[in-house]
N, C-alpha and C. Protein backbone atom coordinates (compact mmCIF):
# COMPACT_ATOMS: atom_id res chain seq x y z
N MET A 1 -37.79 -17.17 14.65
CA MET A 1 -37.43 -17.17 16.05
C MET A 1 -36.90 -18.54 16.43
N GLN A 2 -35.95 -18.52 17.35
CA GLN A 2 -35.34 -19.75 17.83
C GLN A 2 -35.37 -19.74 19.35
N LYS A 3 -35.98 -20.75 19.94
CA LYS A 3 -36.06 -20.87 21.40
C LYS A 3 -34.69 -21.18 21.96
N ILE A 4 -34.30 -20.44 22.99
CA ILE A 4 -33.07 -20.72 23.74
C ILE A 4 -33.43 -20.73 25.22
N ASP A 5 -32.46 -20.98 26.08
CA ASP A 5 -32.72 -21.15 27.51
C ASP A 5 -33.54 -20.03 28.14
N ASP A 6 -33.12 -18.79 27.96
CA ASP A 6 -33.75 -17.67 28.66
C ASP A 6 -34.78 -16.91 27.84
N GLY A 7 -35.04 -17.34 26.62
CA GLY A 7 -35.99 -16.61 25.77
C GLY A 7 -35.91 -17.08 24.34
N PHE A 8 -35.84 -16.11 23.41
CA PHE A 8 -35.81 -16.41 21.99
C PHE A 8 -34.78 -15.54 21.29
N LEU A 9 -34.23 -16.07 20.21
CA LEU A 9 -33.42 -15.27 19.31
C LEU A 9 -34.29 -14.96 18.10
N ARG A 10 -34.31 -13.69 17.72
CA ARG A 10 -35.13 -13.26 16.59
C ARG A 10 -34.20 -12.72 15.51
N LEU A 11 -34.39 -13.20 14.27
CA LEU A 11 -33.59 -12.75 13.14
C LEU A 11 -34.44 -11.87 12.25
N ASP A 12 -33.96 -10.67 11.99
CA ASP A 12 -34.63 -9.77 11.05
C ASP A 12 -34.20 -10.21 9.65
N ALA A 13 -35.15 -10.71 8.88
CA ALA A 13 -34.84 -11.27 7.57
C ALA A 13 -34.33 -10.23 6.58
N GLN A 14 -34.65 -8.97 6.78
CA GLN A 14 -34.19 -7.92 5.85
C GLN A 14 -32.80 -7.42 6.18
N THR A 15 -32.50 -7.21 7.45
CA THR A 15 -31.21 -6.62 7.82
C THR A 15 -30.20 -7.66 8.29
N GLY A 16 -30.68 -8.83 8.71
CA GLY A 16 -29.80 -9.84 9.26
C GLY A 16 -29.47 -9.61 10.71
N GLN A 17 -30.05 -8.59 11.30
CA GLN A 17 -29.80 -8.26 12.70
C GLN A 17 -30.45 -9.30 13.61
N VAL A 18 -29.74 -9.71 14.64
CA VAL A 18 -30.23 -10.70 15.60
C VAL A 18 -30.56 -9.99 16.91
N SER A 19 -31.72 -10.33 17.47
CA SER A 19 -32.14 -9.76 18.76
C SER A 19 -32.42 -10.89 19.73
N PHE A 20 -32.15 -10.62 21.01
CA PHE A 20 -32.46 -11.56 22.08
C PHE A 20 -33.73 -11.06 22.77
N CYS A 21 -34.77 -11.88 22.75
CA CYS A 21 -36.06 -11.50 23.33
C CYS A 21 -36.34 -12.37 24.55
N ARG A 22 -36.83 -11.71 25.62
CA ARG A 22 -37.18 -12.44 26.83
C ARG A 22 -38.24 -11.67 27.61
N GLU A 23 -38.84 -12.37 28.51
CA GLU A 23 -39.88 -11.76 29.32
C GLU A 23 -39.24 -11.17 30.57
N LYS A 24 -39.57 -9.90 30.84
CA LYS A 24 -39.09 -9.21 32.05
C LYS A 24 -40.30 -8.58 32.71
N ALA A 25 -40.56 -8.98 33.92
CA ALA A 25 -41.66 -8.40 34.72
C ALA A 25 -42.98 -8.39 33.95
N GLY A 26 -43.26 -9.49 33.28
CA GLY A 26 -44.52 -9.62 32.56
C GLY A 26 -44.54 -9.00 31.18
N ASN A 27 -43.48 -8.33 30.76
CA ASN A 27 -43.40 -7.72 29.43
C ASN A 27 -42.28 -8.37 28.63
N TRP A 28 -42.50 -8.52 27.34
CA TRP A 28 -41.47 -9.05 26.46
C TRP A 28 -40.62 -7.89 25.94
N THR A 29 -39.31 -8.05 26.04
CA THR A 29 -38.39 -7.04 25.50
C THR A 29 -37.36 -7.73 24.61
N CYS A 30 -36.92 -7.02 23.61
CA CYS A 30 -35.90 -7.54 22.70
C CYS A 30 -34.73 -6.57 22.68
N GLU A 31 -33.53 -7.13 22.78
CA GLU A 31 -32.31 -6.32 22.74
C GLU A 31 -31.45 -6.82 21.59
N THR A 32 -30.85 -5.89 20.90
CA THR A 32 -29.97 -6.25 19.79
C THR A 32 -28.76 -7.01 20.33
N VAL A 33 -28.44 -8.10 19.66
CA VAL A 33 -27.28 -8.90 20.04
C VAL A 33 -26.06 -8.27 19.38
N ALA A 34 -25.03 -8.04 20.17
CA ALA A 34 -23.78 -7.50 19.62
C ALA A 34 -23.19 -8.52 18.67
N ASP A 35 -22.80 -8.06 17.51
CA ASP A 35 -22.16 -8.96 16.56
C ASP A 35 -21.01 -8.23 15.88
N ASP A 36 -20.32 -8.95 15.05
CA ASP A 36 -19.17 -8.39 14.36
C ASP A 36 -19.54 -7.94 12.95
N ARG A 37 -20.80 -7.68 12.71
CA ARG A 37 -21.26 -7.34 11.36
C ARG A 37 -20.50 -6.13 10.80
N ALA A 38 -20.37 -5.08 11.58
CA ALA A 38 -19.67 -3.88 11.09
C ALA A 38 -18.22 -4.21 10.76
N ALA A 39 -17.58 -4.98 11.61
CA ALA A 39 -16.19 -5.36 11.36
C ALA A 39 -16.09 -6.23 10.11
N LEU A 40 -17.03 -7.14 9.94
CA LEU A 40 -17.02 -8.00 8.76
C LEU A 40 -17.27 -7.18 7.49
N GLU A 41 -18.20 -6.25 7.54
CA GLU A 41 -18.46 -5.40 6.38
C GLU A 41 -17.25 -4.54 6.05
N ALA A 42 -16.56 -4.04 7.07
CA ALA A 42 -15.35 -3.25 6.83
C ALA A 42 -14.26 -4.10 6.18
N GLU A 43 -14.13 -5.34 6.63
CA GLU A 43 -13.14 -6.25 6.04
C GLU A 43 -13.49 -6.59 4.60
N ILE A 44 -14.77 -6.80 4.32
CA ILE A 44 -15.21 -7.07 2.95
C ILE A 44 -14.88 -5.88 2.06
N LYS A 45 -15.15 -4.67 2.55
CA LYS A 45 -14.84 -3.47 1.77
C LYS A 45 -13.34 -3.36 1.52
N ARG A 46 -12.54 -3.62 2.55
CA ARG A 46 -11.07 -3.54 2.40
C ARG A 46 -10.60 -4.54 1.35
N LEU A 47 -11.13 -5.77 1.40
CA LEU A 47 -10.73 -6.79 0.44
C LEU A 47 -11.19 -6.44 -0.98
N ASN A 48 -12.40 -5.92 -1.11
CA ASN A 48 -12.88 -5.50 -2.43
C ASN A 48 -12.02 -4.38 -2.99
N ASP A 49 -11.62 -3.43 -2.15
CA ASP A 49 -10.73 -2.35 -2.59
C ASP A 49 -9.38 -2.90 -3.03
N ARG A 50 -8.89 -3.88 -2.29
CA ARG A 50 -7.59 -4.48 -2.64
C ARG A 50 -7.68 -5.22 -3.97
N ILE A 51 -8.78 -5.95 -4.18
CA ILE A 51 -8.98 -6.66 -5.44
C ILE A 51 -9.01 -5.66 -6.60
N ALA A 52 -9.75 -4.57 -6.41
CA ALA A 52 -9.83 -3.55 -7.47
C ALA A 52 -8.45 -2.96 -7.77
N ALA A 53 -7.67 -2.69 -6.73
CA ALA A 53 -6.33 -2.13 -6.94
C ALA A 53 -5.43 -3.12 -7.68
N LEU A 54 -5.51 -4.40 -7.32
CA LEU A 54 -4.70 -5.41 -8.00
C LEU A 54 -5.12 -5.58 -9.45
N GLU A 55 -6.43 -5.54 -9.70
CA GLU A 55 -6.91 -5.65 -11.08
C GLU A 55 -6.47 -4.44 -11.90
N ASN A 56 -6.52 -3.25 -11.31
CA ASN A 56 -6.05 -2.06 -12.02
C ASN A 56 -4.56 -2.16 -12.32
N LYS A 57 -3.80 -2.65 -11.36
CA LYS A 57 -2.36 -2.80 -11.54
C LYS A 57 -2.07 -3.82 -12.64
N ARG A 58 -2.85 -4.91 -12.64
CA ARG A 58 -2.66 -5.96 -13.65
C ARG A 58 -2.93 -5.42 -15.05
N ASN A 59 -3.89 -4.51 -15.16
CA ASN A 59 -4.26 -3.97 -16.47
C ASN A 59 -3.42 -2.77 -16.89
N ASP A 60 -2.54 -2.30 -16.01
CA ASP A 60 -1.68 -1.16 -16.33
C ASP A 60 -0.53 -1.65 -17.22
N PRO A 61 -0.43 -1.13 -18.46
CA PRO A 61 0.63 -1.60 -19.38
C PRO A 61 2.03 -1.43 -18.82
N GLN A 62 2.27 -0.38 -18.03
CA GLN A 62 3.61 -0.18 -17.47
C GLN A 62 3.94 -1.27 -16.46
N GLU A 63 2.96 -1.73 -15.71
CA GLU A 63 3.19 -2.80 -14.75
C GLU A 63 3.22 -4.16 -15.44
N ARG A 64 2.43 -4.29 -16.46
CA ARG A 64 2.28 -5.58 -17.12
C ARG A 64 3.56 -5.99 -17.84
N PHE A 65 4.26 -5.04 -18.44
CA PHE A 65 5.42 -5.36 -19.26
C PHE A 65 6.72 -4.84 -18.67
N ARG A 66 6.76 -4.63 -17.38
CA ARG A 66 7.98 -4.11 -16.77
C ARG A 66 8.99 -5.25 -16.60
N THR A 67 10.25 -4.90 -16.62
CA THR A 67 11.28 -5.90 -16.37
C THR A 67 11.47 -6.05 -14.87
N PRO A 68 11.86 -7.23 -14.43
CA PRO A 68 12.02 -7.43 -12.99
C PRO A 68 13.20 -6.61 -12.45
N SER A 69 13.09 -6.23 -11.19
CA SER A 69 14.16 -5.47 -10.55
C SER A 69 15.32 -6.41 -10.23
N ASP A 70 16.48 -5.82 -9.93
CA ASP A 70 17.64 -6.63 -9.55
C ASP A 70 17.32 -7.48 -8.32
N GLN A 71 16.60 -6.90 -7.39
CA GLN A 71 16.24 -7.63 -6.17
C GLN A 71 15.35 -8.84 -6.51
N GLU A 72 14.39 -8.65 -7.42
CA GLU A 72 13.53 -9.77 -7.81
C GLU A 72 14.33 -10.86 -8.52
N ILE A 73 15.27 -10.46 -9.36
CA ILE A 73 16.11 -11.43 -10.05
C ILE A 73 16.96 -12.21 -9.05
N GLU A 74 17.56 -11.49 -8.10
CA GLU A 74 18.37 -12.16 -7.07
C GLU A 74 17.53 -13.14 -6.25
N GLN A 75 16.31 -12.76 -5.95
CA GLN A 75 15.43 -13.63 -5.18
C GLN A 75 15.14 -14.91 -5.95
N VAL A 76 14.84 -14.79 -7.24
CA VAL A 76 14.54 -15.96 -8.06
C VAL A 76 15.79 -16.82 -8.22
N MET A 77 16.92 -16.19 -8.46
CA MET A 77 18.17 -16.95 -8.62
C MET A 77 18.54 -17.67 -7.33
N GLY A 78 18.32 -17.04 -6.20
CA GLY A 78 18.57 -17.70 -4.92
C GLY A 78 17.69 -18.92 -4.74
N PHE A 79 16.44 -18.80 -5.14
CA PHE A 79 15.52 -19.94 -5.06
C PHE A 79 16.01 -21.09 -5.93
N PHE A 80 16.38 -20.78 -7.19
CA PHE A 80 16.84 -21.84 -8.09
C PHE A 80 18.14 -22.46 -7.62
N GLU A 81 19.04 -21.64 -7.08
CA GLU A 81 20.30 -22.16 -6.57
C GLU A 81 20.05 -23.14 -5.42
N LYS A 82 19.19 -22.77 -4.51
CA LYS A 82 18.86 -23.64 -3.39
C LYS A 82 18.20 -24.93 -3.89
N MET A 83 17.30 -24.80 -4.85
CA MET A 83 16.62 -25.97 -5.39
C MET A 83 17.61 -26.91 -6.07
N MET A 84 18.54 -26.36 -6.85
CA MET A 84 19.51 -27.20 -7.56
C MET A 84 20.46 -27.89 -6.58
N LYS A 85 20.86 -27.21 -5.51
CA LYS A 85 21.72 -27.85 -4.51
C LYS A 85 21.00 -29.02 -3.85
N ARG A 86 19.73 -28.83 -3.53
CA ARG A 86 18.96 -29.92 -2.92
C ARG A 86 18.80 -31.08 -3.90
N PHE A 87 18.54 -30.76 -5.17
CA PHE A 87 18.38 -31.79 -6.19
C PHE A 87 19.69 -32.56 -6.36
N ARG A 88 20.80 -31.84 -6.37
CA ARG A 88 22.11 -32.49 -6.51
C ARG A 88 22.35 -33.43 -5.32
N GLY A 89 21.97 -33.00 -4.12
CA GLY A 89 22.12 -33.86 -2.94
C GLY A 89 21.28 -35.12 -3.06
N VAL A 90 20.08 -35.00 -3.57
CA VAL A 90 19.22 -36.18 -3.77
C VAL A 90 19.86 -37.12 -4.77
N VAL A 91 20.38 -36.59 -5.88
CA VAL A 91 21.01 -37.42 -6.91
C VAL A 91 22.24 -38.13 -6.33
N GLU A 92 23.05 -37.41 -5.56
CA GLU A 92 24.24 -38.02 -4.96
C GLU A 92 23.86 -39.14 -3.99
N ASN A 93 22.82 -38.92 -3.19
CA ASN A 93 22.37 -39.97 -2.27
C ASN A 93 21.85 -41.18 -3.03
N LEU A 94 21.12 -40.96 -4.09
CA LEU A 94 20.62 -42.08 -4.90
C LEU A 94 21.78 -42.84 -5.55
N LYS A 95 22.79 -42.09 -6.00
CA LYS A 95 23.95 -42.71 -6.62
C LYS A 95 24.69 -43.59 -5.60
N LYS A 96 24.85 -43.10 -4.37
CA LYS A 96 25.50 -43.89 -3.32
C LYS A 96 24.71 -45.15 -3.01
N GLU A 97 23.39 -45.01 -2.92
CA GLU A 97 22.54 -46.18 -2.66
C GLU A 97 22.66 -47.19 -3.80
N TRP A 98 22.68 -46.69 -5.02
CA TRP A 98 22.77 -47.58 -6.18
C TRP A 98 24.10 -48.33 -6.17
N GLU A 99 25.18 -47.62 -5.85
CA GLU A 99 26.51 -48.24 -5.84
C GLU A 99 26.63 -49.31 -4.76
N THR A 100 25.96 -49.13 -3.62
CA THR A 100 26.04 -50.14 -2.56
C THR A 100 25.14 -51.33 -2.85
N GLU A 101 24.09 -51.13 -3.63
CA GLU A 101 23.18 -52.23 -3.94
C GLU A 101 23.65 -53.04 -5.13
N VAL A 102 24.30 -52.41 -6.10
CA VAL A 102 24.75 -53.10 -7.31
C VAL A 102 26.27 -53.13 -7.30
N PRO A 103 26.86 -54.30 -7.04
CA PRO A 103 28.33 -54.38 -7.02
C PRO A 103 28.90 -54.21 -8.44
N ASN A 104 30.12 -53.65 -8.50
CA ASN A 104 30.79 -53.47 -9.79
C ASN A 104 31.11 -54.81 -10.40
N LYS A 105 30.84 -54.92 -11.69
CA LYS A 105 31.20 -56.14 -12.43
C LYS A 105 32.42 -55.80 -13.27
N GLY A 106 33.54 -55.92 -12.74
CA GLY A 106 34.68 -55.50 -13.52
C GLY A 106 35.84 -56.26 -13.34
């Protein structure tokens, strides 16, 4: 039990349920505190199901050794093209900086 302003919070050690207990008209009453336990348990189940599906997919030989689709190849090639253009820009900027710092000896 934990003392709070208007009473006590009571934790059920077996279920994890929290109750708010207070004195009303000379009698102590406890009411269940609304929590997101059901929502959290549903989310845990959803995530566990997703993990199981991904593990099954990973272990499926048809998925494991499939060739990438044209769309996946285009996506990867677009990424590399963008990366190479940025890298080329960095190299060109460094080259310009180098040329302005080191005069030609010729």
